Amino acid sequence: MYSIGAGKLHPDTRQMAVDNEAEVWVGVLALQGAFREHLACLRRLPGVHAVEVRTKEQLASVDGLIIPGGAVPRVAHALVAAGVPAPCTEPA
């Protein structure tokens, strides 16, 4: 599983997503795969703002990132091509 935190991630993100008063911004890597389906699911969750991530600037604005399924080398290549920082391509 690959994951990323982008600076403003709360220590207990799971609690944030359940707490109706808290909000969390979740990005979905929109370079390949079923990113639209992931966005649709996330947008139904209370307190979750789901956005497409295609650039490193968009990546910097989210609390976490979902990378839709695909071959790991292909995903890593897409991240590099999009200019996403190298630490994001390392396994968590």
C-alpha atoms as a PDB file:
ATOM      1  CA  MET A   1       0.000   0.000   0.000  1.00  0.00           C
ATOM      2  CA  TYR A   2       1.307   3.448  -0.870  1.00  0.00           C
ATOM      3  CA  SER A   3       0.243   6.496   1.093  1.00  0.00           C
ATOM      4  CA  ILE A   4       1.241  10.074   1.705  1.00  0.00           C
ATOM      5  CA  GLY A   5       0.664  12.804   4.213  1.00  0.00           C
ATOM      6  CA  ALA A   6       1.042  16.407   3.132  1.00  0.00           C
ATOM      7  CA  GLY A   7       2.011  18.468   6.149  1.00  0.00           C
ATOM      8  CA  LYS A   8      -1.373  19.270   7.648  1.00  0.00           C
ATOM      9  CA  LEU A   9      -2.395  15.693   8.399  1.00  0.00           C
ATOM     10  CA  HIS A  10      -3.895  15.300  11.874  1.00  0.00           C
ATOM     11  CA  PRO A  11      -2.352  12.526  14.031  1.00  0.00           C
ATOM     12  CA  ASP A  12      -5.633  10.595  13.992  1.00  0.00           C
ATOM     13  CA  THR A  13      -7.144  11.129  10.545  1.00  0.00           C
ATOM     14  CA  ARG A  14      -9.611   8.266  11.015  1.00  0.00           C
ATOM     15  CA  GLN A  15     -11.191  10.123  13.931  1.00  0.00           C
ATOM     16  CA  MET A  16     -11.319  13.317  11.865  1.00  0.00           C
ATOM     17  CA  ALA A  17     -13.261  11.578   9.116  1.00  0.00           C
ATOM     18  CA  VAL A  18     -15.862  10.313  11.595  1.00  0.00           C
ATOM     19  CA  ASP A  19     -16.205  13.504  13.619  1.00  0.00           C
ATOM     20  CA  ASN A  20     -18.981  15.570  11.998  1.00  0.00           C
ATOM     21  CA  GLU A  21     -17.354  18.849  13.054  1.00  0.00           C
ATOM     22  CA  ALA A  22     -13.951  18.025  11.562  1.00  0.00           C
ATOM     23  CA  GLU A  23     -13.062  18.224   7.915  1.00  0.00           C
ATOM     24  CA  VAL A  24     -10.364  16.444   5.988  1.00  0.00           C
ATOM     25  CA  TRP A  25      -9.200  17.103   2.432  1.00  0.00           C
ATOM     26  CA  VAL A  26      -8.461  13.897   0.540  1.00  0.00           C
ATOM     27  CA  GLY A  27      -6.876  13.887  -2.885  1.00  0.00           C
ATOM     28  CA  VAL A  28      -7.277  11.146  -5.441  1.00  0.00           C
ATOM     29  CA  LEU A  29      -4.440  10.773  -7.916  1.00  0.00           C
ATOM     30  CA  ALA A  30      -6.231  11.506 -11.189  1.00  0.00           C
ATOM     31  CA  LEU A  31      -3.600  10.286 -13.642  1.00  0.00           C
ATOM     32  CA  GLN A  32      -4.949   6.779 -14.246  1.00  0.00           C
ATOM     33  CA  GLY A  33      -7.320   4.182 -12.889  1.00  0.00           C
ATOM     34  CA  ALA A  34     -10.819   4.585 -11.508  1.00  0.00           C
ATOM     35  CA  PHE A  35     -10.257   7.960  -9.886  1.00  0.00           C
ATOM     36  CA  ARG A  36     -13.808   9.157 -10.645  1.00  0.00           C
ATOM     37  CA  GLU A  37     -15.279   6.225  -8.713  1.00  0.00           C
ATOM     38  CA  HIS A  38     -12.977   6.904  -5.758  1.00  0.00           C
ATOM     39  CA  LEU A  39     -13.998  10.566  -5.758  1.00  0.00           C
ATOM     40  CA  ALA A  40     -17.692   9.646  -5.863  1.00  0.00           C
ATOM     41  CA  CYS A  41     -17.338   7.360  -2.827  1.00  0.00           C
ATOM     42  CA  LEU A  42     -15.339   9.878  -0.838  1.00  0.00           C
ATOM     43  CA  ARG A  43     -17.775  12.704  -1.581  1.00  0.00           C
ATOM     44  CA  ARG A  44     -20.547  10.744   0.126  1.00  0.00           C
ATOM     45  CA  LEU A  45     -18.637  10.743   3.435  1.00  0.00           C
ATOM     46  CA  PRO A  46     -19.437  13.470   5.978  1.00  0.00           C
ATOM     47  CA  GLY A  47     -16.558  15.853   6.647  1.00  0.00           C
ATOM     48  CA  VAL A  48     -14.533  14.663   3.664  1.00  0.00           C
ATOM     49  CA  HIS A  49     -13.669  16.989   0.788  1.00  0.00           C
ATOM     50  CA  ALA A  50     -12.425  14.923  -2.148  1.00  0.00           C
ATOM     51  CA  VAL A  51     -10.439  16.540  -4.945  1.00  0.00           C
ATOM     52  CA  GLU A  52      -8.555  15.411  -8.028  1.00  0.00           C
ATOM     53  CA  VAL A  53      -4.764  15.597  -7.728  1.00  0.00           C
ATOM     54  CA  ARG A  54      -2.761  16.056 -10.925  1.00  0.00           C
ATOM     55  CA  THR A  55      -0.007  18.472  -9.855  1.00  0.00           C
ATOM     56  CA  LYS A  56       2.391  18.879  -6.938  1.00  0.00           C
ATOM     57  CA  GLU A  57       0.564  22.090  -5.999  1.00  0.00           C
ATOM     58  CA  GLN A  58      -2.693  20.174  -5.687  1.00  0.00           C
ATOM     59  CA  LEU A  59      -0.876  17.494  -3.709  1.00  0.00           C
ATOM     60  CA  ALA A  60       0.375  20.097  -1.240  1.00  0.00           C
ATOM     61  CA  SER A  61      -3.207  21.217  -0.556  1.00  0.00           C
ATOM     62  CA  VAL A  62      -4.571  17.865   0.692  1.00  0.00           C
ATOM     63  CA  ASP A  63      -4.321  15.970   3.980  1.00  0.00           C
ATOM     64  CA  GLY A  64      -3.916  12.581   2.319  1.00  0.00           C
ATOM     65  CA  LEU A  65      -3.763  10.911  -1.071  1.00  0.00           C
ATOM     66  CA  ILE A  66      -5.505   7.875  -2.537  1.00  0.00           C
ATOM     67  CA  ILE A  67      -3.724   6.239  -5.446  1.00  0.00           C
ATOM     68  CA  PRO A  68      -6.195   4.177  -7.502  1.00  0.00           C
ATOM     69  CA  GLY A  69      -5.147   0.636  -8.354  1.00  0.00           C
ATOM     70  CA  GLY A  70      -2.700  -0.134 -11.063  1.00  0.00           C
ATOM     71  CA  ALA A  71       0.699  -1.607 -11.587  1.00  0.00           C
ATOM     72  CA  VAL A  72       3.120   0.007  -9.133  1.00  0.00           C
ATOM     73  CA  PRO A  73       5.753   0.848 -11.796  1.00  0.00           C
ATOM     74  CA  ARG A  74       3.083   2.510 -13.926  1.00  0.00           C
ATOM     75  CA  VAL A  75       1.828   4.565 -10.974  1.00  0.00           C
ATOM     76  CA  ALA A  76       5.382   5.560 -10.036  1.00  0.00           C
ATOM     77  CA  HIS A  77       6.064   6.602 -13.647  1.00  0.00           C
ATOM     78  CA  ALA A  78       2.870   8.701 -13.701  1.00  0.00           C
ATOM     79  CA  LEU A  79       3.889  10.412 -10.438  1.00  0.00           C
ATOM     80  CA  VAL A  80       7.346  11.242 -11.770  1.00  0.00           C
ATOM     81  CA  ALA A  81       5.887  12.498 -15.064  1.00  0.00           C
ATOM     82  CA  ALA A  82       3.523  14.760 -13.116  1.00  0.00           C
ATOM     83  CA  GLY A  83       6.416  16.192 -11.109  1.00  0.00           C
ATOM     84  CA  VAL A  84       5.250  14.755  -7.786  1.00  0.00           C
ATOM     85  CA  PRO A  85       8.075  14.685  -5.201  1.00  0.00           C
ATOM     86  CA  ALA A  86      10.105  11.472  -4.902  1.00  0.00           C
ATOM     87  CA  PRO A  87       9.109  10.642  -1.273  1.00  0.00           C
ATOM     88  CA  CYS A  88       5.574  10.027  -2.523  1.00  0.00           C
ATOM     89  CA  THR A  89       6.769   7.116  -4.604  1.00  0.00           C
ATOM     90  CA  GLU A  90       8.254   5.238  -1.626  1.00  0.00           C
ATOM     91  CA  PRO A  91       6.187   2.512   0.113  1.00  0.00           C
ATOM     92  CA  ALA A  92       4.677   3.535   3.447  1.00  0.00           C
END
